[in-house]
């Protein structure tokens, strides 16, 4: 099966509208949050920045797991997404996390502010991925660590082809996740070039499997 990324309306997706239904996808990408948390080497006393946190993950998982030992600041460009995340935080009484409406390309934080910067499936969706990564690097402390997750090439993600076919048939345009655009940084060398251009000198790229388990769709 071959589905053209050009069928996507991902460039004009309304993330504020998407906030109403976004949580339905969280269980399926939670393994990525777990991998991100593990690779980020989080420890007591750190200040964490989560960029493009959506409706709260993986920040909420980190906040629950580490408690007051860690403080998390999470940002997203869609105010409605941030509102959903903050409501979850309030309901759970999590005082070690804060969610703010903010674009990755213009982070309103001092230089060298955070020990760790993370982003799950966010960088390729930035309006300007290069500027977003430059900002993430700017607010990272010397010796700090940035950990991001992006999708592989679209044609290599067989599950997305099947899911995209079903989505096109069953979901209205405003509720469709931008699956083809998610793979923008998947082609060989593209992410490496972007990281280098953003000023990162040392980095590792790993390919990890992600399995979906659907009872029904």
Foldseek 3Di string as FASTA:
>chain_A
DDDDLVVAPLVPAQLLLLLVPVVVCCVQCVVVLVVQVVVQPDDFPFEEEEEQCFLAPPPVVVLVVCPPRYAYEYEHQHVNRQVNNVVVCVVVVRPRYHYDNDALLDDPDAFQAGQEYEYELPLLSHPDNLSSLLSVNRNHHVVHYYTYHADAQLVVPVVLVVVVVVCVVPPDNNNDHSVNSSHVCRPPPSVVVSNVSSPDDDDDDDDDDRDGDDPDD
